[in-house]
Amino acid sequence: MDSADDDVRWLLARIDTLATSDHRARSAGYLYPGLFQTRVASHLIFVLIDDDGIDVVRLLHERMDAAAHLAEDLPPDR
């Protein structure tokens, strides 16, 4: 197995943890209201959390411009 396979496993494990336990993600409300983020190695997972669970909005490498990419994925401020 290579590093990319390991990264995918870690990312999926973190998403599962977010969905099934107390949410351990930091607020990213400065980018979008109600948005949260968590880091896995050199990647960021952006999610919206509500009473029904989580919606994964975007997975990005830490070097990518989060604000620009999230603008493509999220509707205007709610």
PDB file of N, CA and C in Angstrom:
ATOM      1  N   MET A   1       0.838  -1.190   0.000  1.00  0.00           N
ATOM      2  CA  MET A   1       0.000   0.000   0.000  1.00  0.00           C
ATOM      3  C   MET A   1       0.877   1.245   0.000  1.00  0.00           C
ATOM      4  N   ASP A   2       0.388   2.255  -0.680  1.00  0.00           N
ATOM      5  CA  ASP A   2       1.189   3.469  -0.739  1.00  0.00           C
ATOM      6  C   ASP A   2       0.600   4.561   0.145  1.00  0.00           C
ATOM      7  N   SER A   3       1.282   5.676   0.144  1.00  0.00           N
ATOM      8  CA  SER A   3       0.889   6.797   0.998  1.00  0.00           C
ATOM      9  C   SER A   3      -0.506   7.329   0.657  1.00  0.00           C
ATOM     10  N   ALA A   4      -0.849   7.355  -0.625  1.00  0.00           N
ATOM     11  CA  ALA A   4      -2.182   7.849  -1.022  1.00  0.00           C
ATOM     12  C   ALA A   4      -3.282   6.975  -0.439  1.00  0.00           C
ATOM     13  N   ASP A   5      -3.080   5.658  -0.437  1.00  0.00           N
ATOM     14  CA  ASP A   5      -4.072   4.762   0.162  1.00  0.00           C
ATOM     15  C   ASP A   5      -4.216   5.032   1.654  1.00  0.00           C
ATOM     16  N   ASP A   6      -3.086   5.251   2.312  1.00  0.00           N
ATOM     17  CA  ASP A   6      -3.123   5.581   3.740  1.00  0.00           C
ATOM     18  C   ASP A   6      -3.881   6.880   3.981  1.00  0.00           C
ATOM     19  N   ASP A   7      -3.618   7.893   3.156  1.00  0.00           N
ATOM     20  CA  ASP A   7      -4.302   9.178   3.304  1.00  0.00           C
ATOM     21  C   ASP A   7      -5.815   9.017   3.166  1.00  0.00           C
ATOM     22  N   VAL A   8      -6.235   8.239   2.179  1.00  0.00           N
ATOM     23  CA  VAL A   8      -7.671   8.026   1.973  1.00  0.00           C
ATOM     24  C   VAL A   8      -8.284   7.336   3.181  1.00  0.00           C
ATOM     25  N   ARG A   9      -7.615   6.342   3.707  1.00  0.00           N
ATOM     26  CA  ARG A   9      -8.125   5.644   4.904  1.00  0.00           C
ATOM     27  C   ARG A   9      -8.253   6.593   6.086  1.00  0.00           C
ATOM     28  N   TRP A  10      -7.234   7.445   6.300  1.00  0.00           N
ATOM     29  CA  TRP A  10      -7.279   8.401   7.411  1.00  0.00           C
ATOM     30  C   TRP A  10      -8.395   9.414   7.210  1.00  0.00           C
ATOM     31  N   LEU A  11      -8.565   9.906   5.981  1.00  0.00           N
ATOM     32  CA  LEU A  11      -9.626  10.877   5.708  1.00  0.00           C
ATOM     33  C   LEU A  11     -11.004  10.269   5.965  1.00  0.00           C
ATOM     34  N   LEU A  12     -11.225   9.056   5.465  1.00  0.00           N
ATOM     35  CA  LEU A  12     -12.517   8.395   5.677  1.00  0.00           C
ATOM     36  C   LEU A  12     -12.763   8.104   7.153  1.00  0.00           C
ATOM     37  N   ALA A  13     -11.727   7.729   7.870  1.00  0.00           N
ATOM     38  CA  ALA A  13     -11.871   7.474   9.307  1.00  0.00           C
ATOM     39  C   ALA A  13     -12.261   8.744  10.047  1.00  0.00           C
ATOM     40  N   ARG A  14     -11.651   9.879   9.687  1.00  0.00           N
ATOM     41  CA  ARG A  14     -11.982  11.138  10.363  1.00  0.00           C
ATOM     42  C   ARG A  14     -13.409  11.557  10.043  1.00  0.00           C
ATOM     43  N   ILE A  15     -13.835  11.400   8.805  1.00  0.00           N
ATOM     44  CA  ILE A  15     -15.218  11.733   8.438  1.00  0.00           C
ATOM     45  C   ILE A  15     -16.181  10.866   9.226  1.00  0.00           C
ATOM     46  N   ASP A  16     -15.886   9.582   9.341  1.00  0.00           N
ATOM     47  CA  ASP A  16     -16.740   8.681  10.115  1.00  0.00           C
ATOM     48  C   ASP A  16     -16.803   9.119  11.570  1.00  0.00           C
ATOM     49  N   THR A  17     -15.674   9.510  12.135  1.00  0.00           N
ATOM     50  CA  THR A  17     -15.640   9.980  13.516  1.00  0.00           C
ATOM     51  C   THR A  17     -16.494  11.232  13.685  1.00  0.00           C
ATOM     52  N   LEU A  18     -16.395  12.162  12.739  1.00  0.00           N
ATOM     53  CA  LEU A  18     -17.207  13.378  12.809  1.00  0.00           C
ATOM     54  C   LEU A  18     -18.692  13.052  12.759  1.00  0.00           C
ATOM     55  N   ALA A  19     -19.043  12.066  11.952  1.00  0.00           N
ATOM     56  CA  ALA A  19     -20.454  11.737  11.751  1.00  0.00           C
ATOM     57  C   ALA A  19     -21.047  10.943  12.898  1.00  0.00           C
ATOM     58  N   THR A  20     -20.223  10.239  13.669  1.00  0.00           N
ATOM     59  CA  THR A  20     -20.756   9.305  14.653  1.00  0.00           C
ATOM     60  C   THR A  20     -20.431   9.648  16.103  1.00  0.00           C
ATOM     61  N   SER A  21     -19.765  10.756  16.340  1.00  0.00           N
ATOM     62  CA  SER A  21     -19.410  11.091  17.720  1.00  0.00           C
ATOM     63  C   SER A  21     -19.535  12.593  17.927  1.00  0.00           C
ATOM     64  N   ASP A  22     -19.136  13.021  19.108  1.00  0.00           N
ATOM     65  CA  ASP A  22     -19.101  14.459  19.343  1.00  0.00           C
ATOM     66  C   ASP A  22     -18.226  15.089  18.264  1.00  0.00           C
ATOM     67  N   HIS A  23     -18.707  16.160  17.725  1.00  0.00           N
ATOM     68  CA  HIS A  23     -18.011  16.786  16.610  1.00  0.00           C
ATOM     69  C   HIS A  23     -16.721  17.437  17.099  1.00  0.00           C
ATOM     70  N   ARG A  24     -15.616  16.936  16.608  1.00  0.00           N
ATOM     71  CA  ARG A  24     -14.310  17.477  16.975  1.00  0.00           C
ATOM     72  C   ARG A  24     -13.735  18.225  15.791  1.00  0.00           C
ATOM     73  N   ALA A  25     -14.388  19.291  15.435  1.00  0.00           N
ATOM     74  CA  ALA A  25     -13.945  20.120  14.324  1.00  0.00           C
ATOM     75  C   ALA A  25     -13.956  21.571  14.785  1.00  0.00           C
ATOM     76  N   ARG A  26     -13.045  22.347  14.230  1.00  0.00           N
ATOM     77  CA  ARG A  26     -12.969  23.768  14.565  1.00  0.00           C
ATOM     78  C   ARG A  26     -13.914  24.563  13.683  1.00  0.00           C
ATOM     79  N   SER A  27     -14.419  25.622  14.231  1.00  0.00           N
ATOM     80  CA  SER A  27     -15.278  26.502  13.446  1.00  0.00           C
ATOM     81  C   SER A  27     -14.472  27.120  12.306  1.00  0.00           C
ATOM     82  N   ALA A  28     -15.079  27.156  11.149  1.00  0.00           N
ATOM     83  CA  ALA A  28     -14.526  27.868  10.001  1.00  0.00           C
ATOM     84  C   ALA A  28     -15.566  28.897   9.546  1.00  0.00           C
ATOM     85  N   GLY A  29     -16.291  29.420  10.534  1.00  0.00           N
ATOM     86  CA  GLY A  29     -17.345  30.391  10.259  1.00  0.00           C
ATOM     87  C   GLY A  29     -16.842  31.664   9.613  1.00  0.00           C
ATOM     88  N   TYR A  30     -15.545  31.912   9.692  1.00  0.00           N
ATOM     89  CA  TYR A  30     -14.972  33.073   9.025  1.00  0.00           C
ATOM     90  C   TYR A  30     -15.021  32.893   7.500  1.00  0.00           C
ATOM     91  N   LEU A  31     -15.153  31.644   7.043  1.00  0.00           N
ATOM     92  CA  LEU A  31     -15.268  31.359   5.610  1.00  0.00           C
ATOM     93  C   LEU A  31     -16.721  31.252   5.161  1.00  0.00           C
ATOM     94  N   TYR A  32     -17.570  30.711   6.062  1.00  0.00           N
ATOM     95  CA  TYR A  32     -18.984  30.507   5.737  1.00  0.00           C
ATOM     96  C   TYR A  32     -19.722  30.179   7.034  1.00  0.00           C
ATOM     97  N   PRO A  33     -20.897  30.763   7.258  1.00  0.00           N
ATOM     98  CA  PRO A  33     -21.632  30.500   8.496  1.00  0.00           C
ATOM     99  C   PRO A  33     -21.931  29.006   8.678  1.00  0.00           C
ATOM    100  N   GLY A  34     -21.611  28.490   9.857  1.00  0.00           N
ATOM    101  CA  GLY A  34     -21.901  27.101  10.181  1.00  0.00           C
ATOM    102  C   GLY A  34     -20.902  26.091   9.645  1.00  0.00           C
ATOM    103  N   LEU A  35     -19.840  26.563   9.008  1.00  0.00           N
ATOM    104  CA  LEU A  35     -18.822  25.676   8.442  1.00  0.00           C
ATOM    105  C   LEU A  35     -17.805  25.297   9.512  1.00  0.00           C
ATOM    106  N   PHE A  36     -17.376  24.028   9.478  1.00  0.00           N
ATOM    107  CA  PHE A  36     -16.347  23.541  10.385  1.00  0.00           C
ATOM    108  C   PHE A  36     -15.247  22.882   9.574  1.00  0.00           C
ATOM    109  N   GLN A  37     -14.058  22.812  10.173  1.00  0.00           N
ATOM    110  CA  GLN A  37     -12.946  22.158   9.495  1.00  0.00           C
ATOM    111  C   GLN A  37     -12.170  21.288  10.468  1.00  0.00           C
ATOM    112  N   THR A  38     -11.543  20.272   9.924  1.00  0.00           N
ATOM    113  CA  THR A  38     -10.646  19.431  10.700  1.00  0.00           C
ATOM    114  C   THR A  38      -9.490  19.038   9.801  1.00  0.00           C
ATOM    115  N   ARG A  39      -8.353  18.786  10.391  1.00  0.00           N
ATOM    116  CA  ARG A  39      -7.141  18.470   9.643  1.00  0.00           C
ATOM    117  C   ARG A  39      -6.819  16.987   9.768  1.00  0.00           C
ATOM    118  N   VAL A  40      -6.388  16.419   8.653  1.00  0.00           N
ATOM    119  CA  VAL A  40      -5.860  15.058   8.619  1.00  0.00           C
ATOM    120  C   VAL A  40      -4.561  15.131   7.832  1.00  0.00           C
ATOM    121  N   ALA A  41      -3.452  14.993   8.526  1.00  0.00           N
ATOM    122  CA  ALA A  41      -2.127  15.122   7.905  1.00  0.00           C
ATOM    123  C   ALA A  41      -2.075  16.460   7.165  1.00  0.00           C
ATOM    124  N   SER A  42      -1.859  16.461   5.867  1.00  0.00           N
ATOM    125  CA  SER A  42      -1.739  17.714   5.118  1.00  0.00           C
ATOM    126  C   SER A  42      -3.027  18.078   4.383  1.00  0.00           C
ATOM    127  N   HIS A  43      -4.155  17.531   4.852  1.00  0.00           N
ATOM    128  CA  HIS A  43      -5.443  17.801   4.216  1.00  0.00           C
ATOM    129  C   HIS A  43      -6.416  18.424   5.209  1.00  0.00           C
ATOM    130  N   LEU A  44      -7.352  19.192   4.669  1.00  0.00           N
ATOM    131  CA  LEU A  44      -8.418  19.791   5.459  1.00  0.00           C
ATOM    132  C   LEU A  44      -9.746  19.249   4.972  1.00  0.00           C
ATOM    133  N   ILE A  45     -10.607  18.915   5.919  1.00  0.00           N
ATOM    134  CA  ILE A  45     -11.961  18.474   5.615  1.00  0.00           C
ATOM    135  C   ILE A  45     -12.894  19.582   6.084  1.00  0.00           C
ATOM    136  N   PHE A  46     -13.718  20.083   5.176  1.00  0.00           N
ATOM    137  CA  PHE A  46     -14.689  21.125   5.509  1.00  0.00           C
ATOM    138  C   PHE A  46     -16.076  20.502   5.532  1.00  0.00           C
ATOM    139  N   VAL A  47     -16.808  20.732   6.629  1.00  0.00           N
ATOM    140  CA  VAL A  47     -18.129  20.130   6.789  1.00  0.00           C
ATOM    141  C   VAL A  47     -19.120  21.158   7.332  1.00  0.00           C
ATOM    142  N   LEU A  48     -20.388  20.923   7.018  1.00  0.00           N
ATOM    143  CA  LEU A  48     -21.493  21.632   7.656  1.00  0.00           C
ATOM    144  C   LEU A  48     -22.123  20.652   8.629  1.00  0.00           C
ATOM    145  N   ILE A  49     -22.363  21.088   9.840  1.00  0.00           N
ATOM    146  CA  ILE A  49     -22.900  20.217  10.883  1.00  0.00           C
ATOM    147  C   ILE A  49     -24.254  20.747  11.313  1.00  0.00           C
ATOM    148  N   ASP A  50     -25.239  19.853  11.377  1.00  0.00           N
ATOM    149  CA  ASP A  50     -26.547  20.225  11.915  1.00  0.00           C
ATOM    150  C   ASP A  50     -27.097  19.050  12.722  1.00  0.00           C
ATOM    151  N   ASP A  51     -28.326  19.157  13.154  1.00  0.00           N
ATOM    152  CA  ASP A  51     -28.916  18.120  14.001  1.00  0.00           C
ATOM    153  C   ASP A  51     -29.032  16.767  13.309  1.00  0.00           C
ATOM    154  N   ASP A  52     -29.065  16.773  11.988  1.00  0.00           N
ATOM    155  CA  ASP A  52     -29.199  15.529  11.230  1.00  0.00           C
ATOM    156  C   ASP A  52     -27.866  14.850  10.949  1.00  0.00           C
ATOM    157  N   GLY A  53     -26.763  15.516  11.212  1.00  0.00           N
ATOM    158  CA  GLY A  53     -25.448  14.930  10.953  1.00  0.00           C
ATOM    159  C   GLY A  53     -24.529  15.928  10.277  1.00  0.00           C
ATOM    160  N   ILE A  54     -23.672  15.415   9.393  1.00  0.00           N
ATOM    161  CA  ILE A  54     -22.721  16.288   8.717  1.00  0.00           C
ATOM    162  C   ILE A  54     -22.875  16.153   7.205  1.00  0.00           C
ATOM    163  N   ASP A  55     -22.504  17.215   6.514  1.00  0.00           N
ATOM    164  CA  ASP A  55     -22.377  17.216   5.064  1.00  0.00           C
ATOM    165  C   ASP A  55     -20.932  17.599   4.763  1.00  0.00           C
ATOM    166  N   VAL A  56     -20.218  16.710   4.105  1.00  0.00           N
ATOM    167  CA  VAL A  56     -18.850  17.027   3.704  1.00  0.00           C
ATOM    168  C   VAL A  56     -18.939  17.957   2.505  1.00  0.00           C
ATOM    169  N   VAL A  57     -18.356  19.125   2.651  1.00  0.00           N
ATOM    170  CA  VAL A  57     -18.410  20.138   1.597  1.00  0.00           C
ATOM    171  C   VAL A  57     -17.214  20.005   0.668  1.00  0.00           C
ATOM    172  N   ARG A  58     -16.020  19.821   1.251  1.00  0.00           N
ATOM    173  CA  ARG A  58     -14.814  19.797   0.424  1.00  0.00           C
ATOM    174  C   ARG A  58     -13.649  19.206   1.196  1.00  0.00           C
ATOM    175  N   LEU A  59     -12.799  18.470   0.501  1.00  0.00           N
ATOM    176  CA  LEU A  59     -11.516  17.999   1.011  1.00  0.00           C
ATOM    177  C   LEU A  59     -10.445  18.744   0.220  1.00  0.00           C
ATOM    178  N   LEU A  60      -9.513  19.375   0.917  1.00  0.00           N
ATOM    179  CA  LEU A  60      -8.480  20.152   0.238  1.00  0.00           C
ATOM    180  C   LEU A  60      -7.113  19.859   0.826  1.00  0.00           C
ATOM    181  N   HIS A  61      -6.099  19.935  -0.004  1.00  0.00           N
ATOM    182  CA  HIS A  61      -4.735  19.918   0.508  1.00  0.00           C
ATOM    183  C   HIS A  61      -4.505  21.256   1.193  1.00  0.00           C
ATOM    184  N   GLU A  62      -3.709  21.265   2.243  1.00  0.00           N
ATOM    185  CA  GLU A  62      -3.522  22.476   3.036  1.00  0.00           C
ATOM    186  C   GLU A  62      -2.951  23.645   2.232  1.00  0.00           C
ATOM    187  N   ARG A  63      -2.301  23.380   1.124  1.00  0.00           N
ATOM    188  CA  ARG A  63      -1.718  24.450   0.313  1.00  0.00           C
ATOM    189  C   ARG A  63      -2.722  25.112  -0.631  1.00  0.00           C
ATOM    190  N   MET A  64      -3.901  24.546  -0.735  1.00  0.00           N
ATOM    191  CA  MET A  64      -4.901  25.092  -1.656  1.00  0.00           C
ATOM    192  C   MET A  64      -5.628  26.271  -1.014  1.00  0.00           C
ATOM    193  N   ASP A  65      -6.150  27.143  -1.832  1.00  0.00           N
ATOM    194  CA  ASP A  65      -6.889  28.329  -1.382  1.00  0.00           C
ATOM    195  C   ASP A  65      -8.310  27.907  -0.994  1.00  0.00           C
ATOM    196  N   ALA A  66      -8.515  27.721   0.294  1.00  0.00           N
ATOM    197  CA  ALA A  66      -9.798  27.218   0.791  1.00  0.00           C
ATOM    198  C   ALA A  66     -10.943  28.150   0.413  1.00  0.00           C
ATOM    199  N   ALA A  67     -10.778  29.438   0.607  1.00  0.00           N
ATOM    200  CA  ALA A  67     -11.864  30.382   0.336  1.00  0.00           C
ATOM    201  C   ALA A  67     -12.303  30.315  -1.124  1.00  0.00           C
ATOM    202  N   ALA A  68     -11.361  30.236  -2.037  1.00  0.00           N
ATOM    203  CA  ALA A  68     -11.708  30.192  -3.461  1.00  0.00           C
ATOM    204  C   ALA A  68     -12.440  28.899  -3.805  1.00  0.00           C
ATOM    205  N   HIS A  69     -11.963  27.779  -3.307  1.00  0.00           N
ATOM    206  CA  HIS A  69     -12.601  26.503  -3.619  1.00  0.00           C
ATOM    207  C   HIS A  69     -13.967  26.366  -2.956  1.00  0.00           C
ATOM    208  N   LEU A  70     -14.088  26.848  -1.739  1.00  0.00           N
ATOM    209  CA  LEU A  70     -15.378  26.745  -1.042  1.00  0.00           C
ATOM    210  C   LEU A  70     -16.421  27.647  -1.689  1.00  0.00           C
ATOM    211  N   ALA A  71     -16.005  28.749  -2.259  1.00  0.00           N
ATOM    212  CA  ALA A  71     -16.933  29.649  -2.940  1.00  0.00           C
ATOM    213  C   ALA A  71     -17.623  28.915  -4.100  1.00  0.00           C
ATOM    214  N   GLU A  72     -16.933  27.930  -4.688  1.00  0.00           N
ATOM    215  CA  GLU A  72     -17.510  27.156  -5.774  1.00  0.00           C
ATOM    216  C   GLU A  72     -18.567  26.166  -5.271  1.00  0.00           C
ATOM    217  N   ASP A  73     -18.439  25.748  -4.015  1.00  0.00           N
ATOM    218  CA  ASP A  73     -19.252  24.654  -3.479  1.00  0.00           C
ATOM    219  C   ASP A  73     -20.419  25.082  -2.620  1.00  0.00           C
ATOM    220  N   LEU A  74     -20.378  26.288  -2.102  1.00  0.00           N
ATOM    221  CA  LEU A  74     -21.388  26.714  -1.129  1.00  0.00           C
ATOM    222  C   LEU A  74     -22.288  27.798  -1.717  1.00  0.00           C
ATOM    223  N   PRO A  75     -23.568  27.782  -1.358  1.00  0.00           N
ATOM    224  CA  PRO A  75     -24.462  28.844  -1.821  1.00  0.00           C
ATOM    225  C   PRO A  75     -24.094  30.155  -1.102  1.00  0.00           C
ATOM    226  N   PRO A  76     -24.614  31.265  -1.563  1.00  0.00           N
ATOM    227  CA  PRO A  76     -24.375  32.521  -0.850  1.00  0.00           C
ATOM    228  C   PRO A  76     -24.720  32.355   0.630  1.00  0.00           C
ATOM    229  N   ASP A  77     -24.100  33.160   1.482  1.00  0.00           N
ATOM    230  CA  ASP A  77     -24.330  33.072   2.935  1.00  0.00           C
ATOM    231  C   ASP A  77     -25.791  32.821   3.252  1.00  0.00           C
ATOM    232  N   ARG A  78     -25.996  31.865   4.144  1.00  0.00           N
ATOM    233  CA  ARG A  78     -27.371  31.562   4.536  1.00  0.00           C
ATOM    234  C   ARG A  78     -27.796  32.396   5.702  1.00  0.00           C
TER     235      ARG A  78
END
